[in-house]
């Protein structure tokens, strides 16, 4: 993870933005030598947010399995997805 002083963003916003897009990970900004903010490109944020949401859904599914919830087979899952897609088209 990159660490930069907060003055970096004020002195060269375009260069800082380019850095965030190139390294594709959060950048820690410091203030008075202490970590203050974390900045990342919008695309990096979207991917991170999607991973968090997916992990949350997987945790729910794992809990349901552990509690003995009935599982669906592949064909039934695909049928449900197709029905939802077709209903959205109407």
C-alpha atoms as a PDB file:
ATOM      1  CA  UNK A   1       0.000   0.000   0.000  1.00  0.00           C
ATOM      2  CA  UNK A   2       1.342   3.418  -0.976  1.00  0.00           C
ATOM      3  CA  UNK A   3       1.650   6.129   1.651  1.00  0.00           C
ATOM      4  CA  UNK A   4       1.791   9.773   0.609  1.00  0.00           C
ATOM      5  CA  UNK A   5       1.662  13.090   2.496  1.00  0.00           C
ATOM      6  CA  UNK A   6      -1.596  14.994   2.138  1.00  0.00           C
ATOM      7  CA  UNK A   7       0.256  17.788   0.346  1.00  0.00           C
ATOM      8  CA  UNK A   8       0.675  15.446  -2.636  1.00  0.00           C
ATOM      9  CA  UNK A   9      -2.985  15.760  -3.567  1.00  0.00           C
ATOM     10  CA  UNK A  10      -2.910  19.561  -3.247  1.00  0.00           C
ATOM     11  CA  UNK A  11       0.316  20.058  -5.165  1.00  0.00           C
ATOM     12  CA  UNK A  12      -0.382  17.699  -8.075  1.00  0.00           C
ATOM     13  CA  UNK A  13      -3.956  16.451  -8.220  1.00  0.00           C
ATOM     14  CA  UNK A  14      -3.635  15.100 -11.769  1.00  0.00           C
ATOM     15  CA  UNK A  15      -0.476  13.194 -10.939  1.00  0.00           C
ATOM     16  CA  UNK A  16      -2.022  11.847  -7.742  1.00  0.00           C
ATOM     17  CA  UNK A  17      -5.140  10.765  -9.627  1.00  0.00           C
ATOM     18  CA  UNK A  18      -3.002   9.026 -12.236  1.00  0.00           C
ATOM     19  CA  UNK A  19      -1.098   7.215  -9.463  1.00  0.00           C
ATOM     20  CA  UNK A  20      -4.362   5.988  -7.900  1.00  0.00           C
ATOM     21  CA  UNK A  21      -5.531   4.634 -11.246  1.00  0.00           C
ATOM     22  CA  UNK A  22      -2.187   3.023 -12.082  1.00  0.00           C
ATOM     23  CA  UNK A  23      -1.584   1.190  -8.822  1.00  0.00           C
ATOM     24  CA  UNK A  24      -5.232   0.110  -8.525  1.00  0.00           C
ATOM     25  CA  UNK A  25      -5.152  -0.006  -4.727  1.00  0.00           C
ATOM     26  CA  UNK A  26      -5.859   2.397  -1.863  1.00  0.00           C
ATOM     27  CA  UNK A  27      -3.355   5.160  -1.065  1.00  0.00           C
ATOM     28  CA  UNK A  28      -2.938   6.292   2.536  1.00  0.00           C
ATOM     29  CA  UNK A  29      -2.616  10.052   2.957  1.00  0.00           C
ATOM     30  CA  UNK A  30      -0.792  11.275   6.031  1.00  0.00           C
ATOM     31  CA  UNK A  31      -1.197  14.495   7.938  1.00  0.00           C
ATOM     32  CA  UNK A  32       1.551  15.571  10.302  1.00  0.00           C
ATOM     33  CA  UNK A  33       3.151  12.155   9.841  1.00  0.00           C
ATOM     34  CA  UNK A  34       0.028  10.221  10.909  1.00  0.00           C
ATOM     35  CA  UNK A  35      -2.317   8.220   8.688  1.00  0.00           C
ATOM     36  CA  UNK A  36      -5.362  10.396   8.011  1.00  0.00           C
ATOM     37  CA  UNK A  37      -7.262   9.356   4.878  1.00  0.00           C
ATOM     38  CA  UNK A  38      -7.434   6.495   2.404  1.00  0.00           C
ATOM     39  CA  UNK A  39      -8.012   7.398  -1.253  1.00  0.00           C
ATOM     40  CA  UNK A  40      -8.589   5.120  -4.248  1.00  0.00           C
ATOM     41  CA  UNK A  41      -9.874   5.309  -7.792  1.00  0.00           C
ATOM     42  CA  UNK A  42     -13.594   4.908  -8.310  1.00  0.00           C
ATOM     43  CA  UNK A  43     -13.106   1.629 -10.193  1.00  0.00           C
ATOM     44  CA  UNK A  44     -11.003   0.221  -7.356  1.00  0.00           C
ATOM     45  CA  UNK A  45     -13.756   1.225  -4.924  1.00  0.00           C
ATOM     46  CA  UNK A  46     -16.455  -0.423  -7.062  1.00  0.00           C
ATOM     47  CA  UNK A  47     -14.525  -3.706  -7.227  1.00  0.00           C
ATOM     48  CA  UNK A  48     -13.847  -3.642  -3.492  1.00  0.00           C
ATOM     49  CA  UNK A  49     -17.518  -2.919  -2.763  1.00  0.00           C
ATOM     50  CA  UNK A  50     -18.617  -5.775  -5.048  1.00  0.00           C
ATOM     51  CA  UNK A  51     -16.229  -8.190  -3.284  1.00  0.00           C
ATOM     52  CA  UNK A  52     -17.569  -7.169   0.120  1.00  0.00           C
ATOM     53  CA  UNK A  53     -21.170  -7.665  -1.013  1.00  0.00           C
ATOM     54  CA  UNK A  54     -20.335 -11.057  -2.521  1.00  0.00           C
ATOM     55  CA  UNK A  55     -18.539 -12.160   0.656  1.00  0.00           C
ATOM     56  CA  UNK A  56     -21.567 -11.125   2.689  1.00  0.00           C
ATOM     57  CA  UNK A  57     -23.895 -13.175   0.486  1.00  0.00           C
ATOM     58  CA  UNK A  58     -21.561 -16.175   0.672  1.00  0.00           C
ATOM     59  CA  UNK A  59     -21.507 -15.943   4.465  1.00  0.00           C
ATOM     60  CA  UNK A  60     -25.320 -16.000   4.527  1.00  0.00           C
ATOM     61  CA  UNK A  61     -25.348 -19.018   2.201  1.00  0.00           C
ATOM     62  CA  UNK A  62     -22.758 -20.858   4.316  1.00  0.00           C
ATOM     63  CA  UNK A  63     -24.843 -20.189   7.434  1.00  0.00           C
ATOM     64  CA  UNK A  64     -27.967 -21.503   5.723  1.00  0.00           C
ATOM     65  CA  UNK A  65     -26.107 -24.659   4.675  1.00  0.00           C
ATOM     66  CA  UNK A  66     -24.763 -25.157   8.200  1.00  0.00           C
ATOM     67  CA  UNK A  67     -28.309 -24.837   9.526  1.00  0.00           C
ATOM     68  CA  UNK A  68     -29.503 -27.554   7.149  1.00  0.00           C
ATOM     69  CA  UNK A  69     -31.259 -25.439   4.536  1.00  0.00           C
ATOM     70  CA  UNK A  70     -32.345 -27.368   1.473  1.00  0.00           C
ATOM     71  CA  UNK A  71     -30.049 -26.853  -1.503  1.00  0.00           C
ATOM     72  CA  UNK A  72     -31.232 -26.311  -5.070  1.00  0.00           C
ATOM     73  CA  UNK A  73     -29.722 -28.183  -7.965  1.00  0.00           C
ATOM     74  CA  UNK A  74     -28.125 -26.365 -10.884  1.00  0.00           C
ATOM     75  CA  UNK A  75     -31.076 -26.772 -13.257  1.00  0.00           C
ATOM     76  CA  UNK A  76     -33.544 -25.309 -10.768  1.00  0.00           C
ATOM     77  CA  UNK A  77     -31.274 -22.331 -10.094  1.00  0.00           C
ATOM     78  CA  UNK A  78     -30.897 -21.672 -13.822  1.00  0.00           C
ATOM     79  CA  UNK A  79     -34.680 -21.937 -14.343  1.00  0.00           C
ATOM     80  CA  UNK A  80     -35.283 -19.356 -11.601  1.00  0.00           C
ATOM     81  CA  UNK A  81     -32.707 -16.991 -13.100  1.00  0.00           C
ATOM     82  CA  UNK A  82     -34.240 -17.324 -16.575  1.00  0.00           C
ATOM     83  CA  UNK A  83     -37.730 -16.631 -15.196  1.00  0.00           C
ATOM     84  CA  UNK A  84     -36.471 -13.480 -13.446  1.00  0.00           C
ATOM     85  CA  UNK A  85     -34.738 -12.280 -16.599  1.00  0.00           C
ATOM     86  CA  UNK A  86     -37.822 -12.930 -18.716  1.00  0.00           C
ATOM     87  CA  UNK A  87     -40.073 -11.191 -16.179  1.00  0.00           C
ATOM     88  CA  UNK A  88     -37.798  -8.134 -16.252  1.00  0.00           C
ATOM     89  CA  UNK A  89     -38.060  -7.985 -20.058  1.00  0.00           C
ATOM     90  CA  UNK A  90     -41.858  -7.796 -19.929  1.00  0.00           C
END
